């Protein structure tokens, strides 16, 4: 990027472009954090949003001609909410399915 010092990687609602920062939103959407140990070849890490909304990382979309997209990769954990067990999730999911079935079969 030495040849384009005025341009930045900016996330425009899921599609990432290299563009000039023109607004304060552009500045926020161009702020990322590298999670890897260093930027050496062979090191692994992700470029993640450093500002709200958290949980998005950049990835190369092989299905879209190798354009860069932002993708939600992790949820926001609320410490006040107890995690649900997988058994409870299956039970409530089954209840929702049976409710939908009953609603469909009602005259």
Protein backbone atom coordinates (compact mmCIF):
# COMPACT_ATOMS: atom_id res chain seq x y z
CA UNK A 1 0.00 0.00 0.00
CA UNK A 2 3.03 2.33 -0.14
CA UNK A 3 1.86 3.60 -3.53
CA UNK A 4 -1.60 4.52 -2.22
CA UNK A 5 -1.01 6.29 1.14
CA UNK A 6 -4.44 7.99 1.09
CA UNK A 7 -6.38 4.74 0.59
CA UNK A 8 -7.54 2.31 3.26
CA UNK A 9 -9.34 -1.04 3.47
CA UNK A 10 -12.95 -0.06 4.27
CA UNK A 11 -15.81 -2.41 5.11
CA UNK A 12 -18.92 -1.14 3.32
CA UNK A 13 -21.67 -3.33 4.84
CA UNK A 14 -20.13 -6.67 4.02
CA UNK A 15 -18.20 -5.80 0.86
CA UNK A 16 -14.69 -4.55 1.47
CA UNK A 17 -13.08 -2.00 -0.84
CA UNK A 18 -9.87 -0.03 -1.00
CA UNK A 19 -10.95 3.60 -0.95
CA UNK A 20 -10.28 7.03 0.52
CA UNK A 21 -11.71 7.84 3.93
CA UNK A 22 -14.29 10.54 3.31
CA UNK A 23 -16.54 10.34 6.38
CA UNK A 24 -16.24 9.44 10.05
CA UNK A 25 -18.13 6.19 9.31
CA UNK A 26 -15.46 5.32 6.73
CA UNK A 27 -12.80 5.84 9.41
CA UNK A 28 -14.61 3.52 11.84
CA UNK A 29 -15.18 0.91 9.12
CA UNK A 30 -11.47 0.97 8.23
CA UNK A 31 -10.27 0.10 11.75
CA UNK A 32 -9.17 -3.53 12.12
CA UNK A 33 -7.08 -5.49 14.59
CA UNK A 34 -4.68 -8.34 13.63
CA UNK A 35 -5.13 -11.35 15.95
CA UNK A 36 -1.99 -13.23 14.88
CA UNK A 37 1.35 -13.15 16.72
CA UNK A 38 3.10 -11.19 13.94
CA UNK A 39 2.84 -10.35 10.26
CA UNK A 40 5.55 -12.81 9.21
CA UNK A 41 4.90 -15.28 6.38
CA UNK A 42 3.35 -18.49 7.66
CA UNK A 43 1.77 -16.88 10.74
CA UNK A 44 -1.98 -17.28 11.09
CA UNK A 45 -4.48 -14.75 12.37
CA UNK A 46 -7.51 -12.70 11.39
CA UNK A 47 -8.24 -9.09 10.65
CA UNK A 48 -11.18 -8.31 12.92
CA UNK A 49 -13.17 -5.13 13.44
CA UNK A 50 -11.64 -3.03 16.20
CA UNK A 51 -14.83 -0.97 16.65
CA UNK A 52 -18.52 -1.79 17.00
CA UNK A 53 -20.14 -3.98 15.85
CA UNK A 54 -17.64 -6.60 17.08
CA UNK A 55 -17.37 -10.16 15.83
CA UNK A 56 -16.63 -9.48 12.14
CA UNK A 57 -13.47 -10.56 10.32
CA UNK A 58 -12.26 -10.10 6.76
CA UNK A 59 -12.09 -13.11 4.45
CA UNK A 60 -11.47 -13.76 0.78
CA UNK A 61 -14.70 -14.83 -0.90
CA UNK A 62 -13.78 -17.49 -3.43
CA UNK A 63 -17.46 -17.59 -4.49
CA UNK A 64 -17.36 -13.86 -5.45
CA UNK A 65 -14.31 -13.67 -7.73
CA UNK A 66 -11.95 -13.51 -4.73
CA UNK A 67 -13.30 -10.20 -3.45
CA UNK A 68 -12.82 -9.40 0.21
CA UNK A 69 -15.94 -9.65 2.38
CA UNK A 70 -16.51 -9.12 6.07
CA UNK A 71 -18.10 -12.06 7.83
CA UNK A 72 -19.60 -12.48 11.30
CA UNK A 73 -17.48 -15.09 13.06
CA UNK A 74 -18.35 -14.97 16.77
CA UNK A 75 -21.27 -13.98 18.93
CA UNK A 76 -21.39 -11.43 21.68
CA UNK A 77 -21.57 -13.18 25.04
CA UNK A 78 -23.79 -11.62 27.71
CA UNK A 79 -22.40 -12.67 31.13
CA UNK A 80 -25.89 -12.28 32.67
CA UNK A 81 -27.40 -14.99 30.43
CA UNK A 82 -26.79 -18.61 31.35
CA UNK A 83 -25.82 -20.83 28.41
CA UNK A 84 -28.53 -23.25 27.33
CA UNK A 85 -27.69 -26.93 27.15
CA UNK A 86 -27.95 -28.63 23.77
CA UNK A 87 -30.77 -30.81 25.16
CA UNK A 88 -32.83 -27.71 26.06
CA UNK A 89 -32.19 -26.23 22.62
CA UNK A 90 -33.39 -29.42 20.90
CA UNK A 91 -36.50 -29.53 23.11
CA UNK A 92 -37.46 -25.91 22.40
CA UNK A 93 -36.70 -26.41 18.70
CA UNK A 94 -38.99 -29.45 18.62
CA UNK A 95 -41.72 -27.42 20.37
CA UNK A 96 -41.44 -24.70 17.71
CA UNK A 97 -41.66 -27.29 14.91
CA UNK A 98 -44.74 -28.95 16.41
CA UNK A 99 -46.39 -25.53 16.87
CA UNK A 100 -45.72 -24.71 13.22
CA UNK A 101 -47.19 -28.05 12.19
CA UNK A 102 -50.32 -27.47 14.25
CA UNK A 103 -50.75 -23.99 12.81
CA UNK A 104 -50.43 -25.29 9.26
CA UNK A 105 -52.93 -28.10 9.81
CA UNK A 106 -55.56 -25.84 11.39
CA UNK A 107 -58.52 -25.08 9.05
